[in-house]
Amino acid sequence: MPRLDIFANGDGSFVMPGPDGPVSSIRYETIRDGLEDIELLKLAAAVDPSSVAALAAAVVRGPTTYETDPVVIMETRAKVAAILRQGAVHGA
């Protein structure tokens, strides 16, 4: 019998069908967040490389070992934002 459930859990889809068109998945949103984090870290590193390196090392410990606590991740993002604001104030 052929499979009729084409959208199985964990099937790798980035968007799902919605009533008014495609709807993004959590997987897609997480990838986007990660790409935005990388870009913000690059910008902040131009302002304060040592602080940004320490922040990055605190949340990414290796290729497969990383922080999963959302509170820590949000606090780290706030610290990176503060570094960017500091750079904007000082013209970096």
N, C-alpha and C. Protein backbone atom coordinates (compact mmCIF):
# COMPACT_ATOMS: atom_id res chain seq x y z
N MET A 1 0.84 -1.19 0.00
CA MET A 1 0.00 0.00 0.00
C MET A 1 0.89 1.25 0.00
N PRO A 2 0.64 2.22 -0.84
CA PRO A 2 1.48 3.42 -0.89
C PRO A 2 1.26 4.30 0.34
N ARG A 3 2.32 5.03 0.69
CA ARG A 3 2.22 5.96 1.82
C ARG A 3 1.43 7.19 1.42
N LEU A 4 0.49 7.56 2.25
CA LEU A 4 -0.31 8.75 1.99
C LEU A 4 0.10 9.92 2.88
N ASP A 5 0.88 9.64 3.93
CA ASP A 5 1.32 10.69 4.84
C ASP A 5 2.69 11.20 4.41
N ILE A 6 2.71 12.14 3.48
CA ILE A 6 3.97 12.60 2.91
C ILE A 6 4.75 13.51 3.86
N PHE A 7 4.16 14.01 4.92
CA PHE A 7 4.84 14.90 5.85
C PHE A 7 5.03 14.21 7.19
N ALA A 8 6.01 13.31 7.25
CA ALA A 8 6.32 12.59 8.48
C ALA A 8 7.18 13.45 9.39
N ASN A 9 7.10 13.20 10.69
CA ASN A 9 7.90 13.92 11.67
C ASN A 9 9.39 13.73 11.36
N GLY A 10 10.13 14.83 11.28
CA GLY A 10 11.56 14.75 11.03
C GLY A 10 11.92 14.43 9.60
N ASP A 11 11.06 14.72 8.67
CA ASP A 11 11.34 14.37 7.27
C ASP A 11 12.29 15.35 6.58
N GLY A 12 12.77 16.34 7.30
CA GLY A 12 13.73 17.27 6.72
C GLY A 12 13.13 18.45 6.00
N SER A 13 11.84 18.65 6.11
CA SER A 13 11.20 19.77 5.43
C SER A 13 11.51 21.08 6.15
N PHE A 14 11.73 22.11 5.38
CA PHE A 14 11.98 23.43 5.95
C PHE A 14 10.72 24.28 5.96
N VAL A 15 9.79 23.98 5.08
CA VAL A 15 8.51 24.67 5.06
C VAL A 15 7.41 23.63 4.99
N MET A 16 6.27 23.99 5.53
CA MET A 16 5.13 23.10 5.56
C MET A 16 3.96 23.76 4.84
N PRO A 17 3.04 22.98 4.33
CA PRO A 17 1.87 23.59 3.69
C PRO A 17 0.98 24.24 4.75
N GLY A 18 0.54 25.43 4.45
CA GLY A 18 -0.36 26.14 5.35
C GLY A 18 -1.62 26.53 4.61
N PRO A 19 -2.61 27.05 5.31
CA PRO A 19 -3.87 27.40 4.66
C PRO A 19 -3.74 28.52 3.63
N ASP A 20 -2.74 29.39 3.83
CA ASP A 20 -2.55 30.51 2.89
C ASP A 20 -1.20 30.44 2.18
N GLY A 21 -0.61 29.27 2.13
CA GLY A 21 0.69 29.11 1.49
C GLY A 21 1.69 28.50 2.45
N PRO A 22 2.98 28.45 2.06
CA PRO A 22 3.99 27.80 2.89
C PRO A 22 4.16 28.47 4.25
N VAL A 23 4.42 27.64 5.25
CA VAL A 23 4.68 28.09 6.61
C VAL A 23 6.05 27.55 7.01
N SER A 24 6.90 28.39 7.59
CA SER A 24 8.25 27.93 7.94
C SER A 24 8.20 26.95 9.10
N SER A 25 9.21 26.09 9.16
CA SER A 25 9.30 25.10 10.22
C SER A 25 10.25 25.60 11.31
N ILE A 26 10.24 24.93 12.44
CA ILE A 26 11.18 25.26 13.52
C ILE A 26 12.61 25.07 13.02
N ARG A 27 12.82 24.03 12.24
CA ARG A 27 14.15 23.76 11.68
C ARG A 27 14.62 24.96 10.84
N TYR A 28 13.76 25.50 10.01
CA TYR A 28 14.10 26.64 9.17
C TYR A 28 14.41 27.87 10.03
N GLU A 29 13.57 28.11 11.03
CA GLU A 29 13.76 29.27 11.91
C GLU A 29 15.08 29.16 12.68
N THR A 30 15.43 27.96 13.10
CA THR A 30 16.67 27.74 13.84
C THR A 30 17.88 27.98 12.96
N ILE A 31 17.83 27.52 11.72
CA ILE A 31 18.93 27.76 10.78
C ILE A 31 19.08 29.26 10.56
N ARG A 32 17.96 29.95 10.38
CA ARG A 32 18.02 31.40 10.17
C ARG A 32 18.62 32.10 11.39
N ASP A 33 18.21 31.69 12.60
CA ASP A 33 18.77 32.28 13.82
C ASP A 33 20.28 32.07 13.88
N GLY A 34 20.73 30.87 13.52
CA GLY A 34 22.16 30.59 13.55
C GLY A 34 22.94 31.44 12.56
N LEU A 35 22.39 31.63 11.37
CA LEU A 35 23.06 32.48 10.38
C LEU A 35 23.11 33.93 10.85
N GLU A 36 22.04 34.39 11.48
CA GLU A 36 22.03 35.76 12.01
C GLU A 36 23.05 35.89 13.15
N ASP A 37 23.15 34.87 14.00
CA ASP A 37 24.14 34.89 15.08
C ASP A 37 25.55 35.01 14.54
N ILE A 38 25.86 34.25 13.49
CA ILE A 38 27.19 34.30 12.89
C ILE A 38 27.50 35.70 12.38
N GLU A 39 26.55 36.32 11.70
CA GLU A 39 26.79 37.66 11.16
C GLU A 39 26.96 38.68 12.28
N LEU A 40 26.16 38.58 13.34
CA LEU A 40 26.30 39.51 14.46
C LEU A 40 27.64 39.32 15.17
N LEU A 41 28.08 38.06 15.31
CA LEU A 41 29.38 37.80 15.92
C LEU A 41 30.50 38.40 15.08
N LYS A 42 30.40 38.30 13.77
CA LYS A 42 31.42 38.89 12.89
C LYS A 42 31.48 40.41 13.08
N LEU A 43 30.31 41.04 13.12
CA LEU A 43 30.28 42.49 13.30
C LEU A 43 30.83 42.89 14.67
N ALA A 44 30.44 42.16 15.70
CA ALA A 44 30.90 42.47 17.06
C ALA A 44 32.39 42.21 17.20
N ALA A 45 32.92 41.23 16.50
CA ALA A 45 34.36 40.93 16.57
C ALA A 45 35.20 42.09 16.05
N ALA A 46 34.64 42.88 15.15
CA ALA A 46 35.36 44.05 14.66
C ALA A 46 35.47 45.12 15.75
N VAL A 47 34.57 45.08 16.73
CA VAL A 47 34.58 46.06 17.82
C VAL A 47 35.44 45.57 18.98
N ASP A 48 35.25 44.32 19.38
CA ASP A 48 35.95 43.77 20.56
C ASP A 48 36.23 42.29 20.34
N PRO A 49 37.30 41.98 19.61
CA PRO A 49 37.56 40.58 19.24
C PRO A 49 37.72 39.63 20.43
N SER A 50 38.39 40.05 21.48
CA SER A 50 38.63 39.12 22.59
C SER A 50 37.35 38.80 23.35
N SER A 51 36.50 39.78 23.56
CA SER A 51 35.23 39.52 24.25
C SER A 51 34.33 38.62 23.42
N VAL A 52 34.29 38.85 22.13
CA VAL A 52 33.45 38.04 21.24
C VAL A 52 33.97 36.62 21.18
N ALA A 53 35.28 36.45 21.14
CA ALA A 53 35.86 35.10 21.13
C ALA A 53 35.49 34.35 22.40
N ALA A 54 35.53 35.02 23.54
CA ALA A 54 35.17 34.38 24.81
C ALA A 54 33.68 34.02 24.84
N LEU A 55 32.84 34.92 24.35
CA LEU A 55 31.40 34.63 24.30
C LEU A 55 31.11 33.45 23.39
N ALA A 56 31.73 33.43 22.23
CA ALA A 56 31.51 32.34 21.29
C ALA A 56 31.99 31.01 21.87
N ALA A 57 33.15 31.03 22.51
CA ALA A 57 33.70 29.80 23.10
C ALA A 57 32.83 29.29 24.24
N ALA A 58 32.11 30.18 24.90
CA ALA A 58 31.25 29.76 26.00
C ALA A 58 30.00 29.02 25.51
N VAL A 59 29.56 29.30 24.30
CA VAL A 59 28.35 28.64 23.79
C VAL A 59 28.64 27.57 22.75
N VAL A 60 29.80 27.63 22.12
CA VAL A 60 30.18 26.59 21.14
C VAL A 60 31.52 26.02 21.59
N ARG A 61 31.47 24.78 22.07
CA ARG A 61 32.67 24.17 22.62
C ARG A 61 33.36 23.22 21.63
N GLY A 62 32.72 22.93 20.54
CA GLY A 62 33.27 22.03 19.53
C GLY A 62 32.26 21.86 18.42
N PRO A 63 32.60 21.10 17.39
CA PRO A 63 31.69 20.96 16.25
C PRO A 63 30.35 20.34 16.60
N THR A 64 30.32 19.53 17.64
CA THR A 64 29.06 18.88 18.02
C THR A 64 28.70 19.12 19.48
N THR A 65 29.40 20.01 20.14
CA THR A 65 29.14 20.31 21.55
C THR A 65 28.84 21.80 21.67
N TYR A 66 27.64 22.13 22.10
CA TYR A 66 27.23 23.51 22.16
C TYR A 66 26.17 23.70 23.25
N GLU A 67 25.97 24.93 23.62
CA GLU A 67 24.99 25.28 24.65
C GLU A 67 23.58 25.05 24.13
N THR A 68 22.75 24.45 24.94
CA THR A 68 21.36 24.22 24.55
C THR A 68 20.37 24.97 25.43
N ASP A 69 20.86 25.60 26.49
CA ASP A 69 19.97 26.34 27.39
C ASP A 69 19.57 27.65 26.71
N PRO A 70 18.28 27.83 26.40
CA PRO A 70 17.86 29.04 25.70
C PRO A 70 18.13 30.32 26.48
N VAL A 71 18.12 30.25 27.81
CA VAL A 71 18.41 31.44 28.61
C VAL A 71 19.85 31.89 28.39
N VAL A 72 20.77 30.95 28.40
CA VAL A 72 22.19 31.28 28.18
C VAL A 72 22.38 31.84 26.77
N ILE A 73 21.73 31.25 25.80
CA ILE A 73 21.86 31.72 24.42
C ILE A 73 21.32 33.14 24.30
N MET A 74 20.17 33.42 24.89
CA MET A 74 19.61 34.78 24.82
C MET A 74 20.49 35.78 25.56
N GLU A 75 21.06 35.38 26.70
CA GLU A 75 21.97 36.27 27.44
C GLU A 75 23.21 36.58 26.59
N THR A 76 23.72 35.57 25.90
CA THR A 76 24.89 35.76 25.04
C THR A 76 24.55 36.71 23.89
N ARG A 77 23.39 36.53 23.30
CA ARG A 77 22.96 37.45 22.23
C ARG A 77 22.86 38.88 22.74
N ALA A 78 22.38 39.05 23.96
CA ALA A 78 22.27 40.39 24.55
C ALA A 78 23.66 40.99 24.76
N LYS A 79 24.62 40.18 25.17
CA LYS A 79 25.99 40.68 25.35
C LYS A 79 26.61 41.07 24.01
N VAL A 80 26.35 40.29 22.98
CA VAL A 80 26.86 40.64 21.65
C VAL A 80 26.22 41.95 21.18
N ALA A 81 24.94 42.11 21.43
CA ALA A 81 24.25 43.35 21.05
C ALA A 81 24.85 44.54 21.79
N ALA A 82 25.20 44.35 23.06
CA ALA A 82 25.81 45.43 23.83
C ALA A 82 27.16 45.83 23.24
N ILE A 83 27.92 44.85 22.79
CA ILE A 83 29.21 45.14 22.14
C ILE A 83 28.98 45.93 20.87
N LEU A 84 27.96 45.55 20.09
CA LEU A 84 27.65 46.29 18.86
C LEU A 84 27.22 47.71 19.17
N ARG A 85 26.40 47.90 20.21
CA ARG A 85 26.00 49.27 20.59
C ARG A 85 27.21 50.08 21.02
N GLN A 86 28.12 49.46 21.77
CA GLN A 86 29.34 50.13 22.21
C GLN A 86 30.14 50.60 21.00
N GLY A 87 30.23 49.73 19.99
CA GLY A 87 30.95 50.10 18.78
C GLY A 87 30.28 51.23 18.03
N ALA A 88 28.95 51.22 18.01
CA ALA A 88 28.22 52.29 17.32
C ALA A 88 28.42 53.63 18.03
N VAL A 89 28.47 53.59 19.35
CA VAL A 89 28.66 54.82 20.13
C VAL A 89 30.07 55.38 19.91
N HIS A 90 31.05 54.48 19.84
CA HIS A 90 32.43 54.91 19.69
C HIS A 90 32.90 54.99 18.24
N GLY A 91 31.99 54.76 17.30
CA GLY A 91 32.31 54.90 15.89
C GLY A 91 33.17 53.80 15.31
N ALA A 92 33.10 52.62 15.88
CA ALA A 92 33.90 51.50 15.33
C ALA A 92 33.24 50.88 14.14
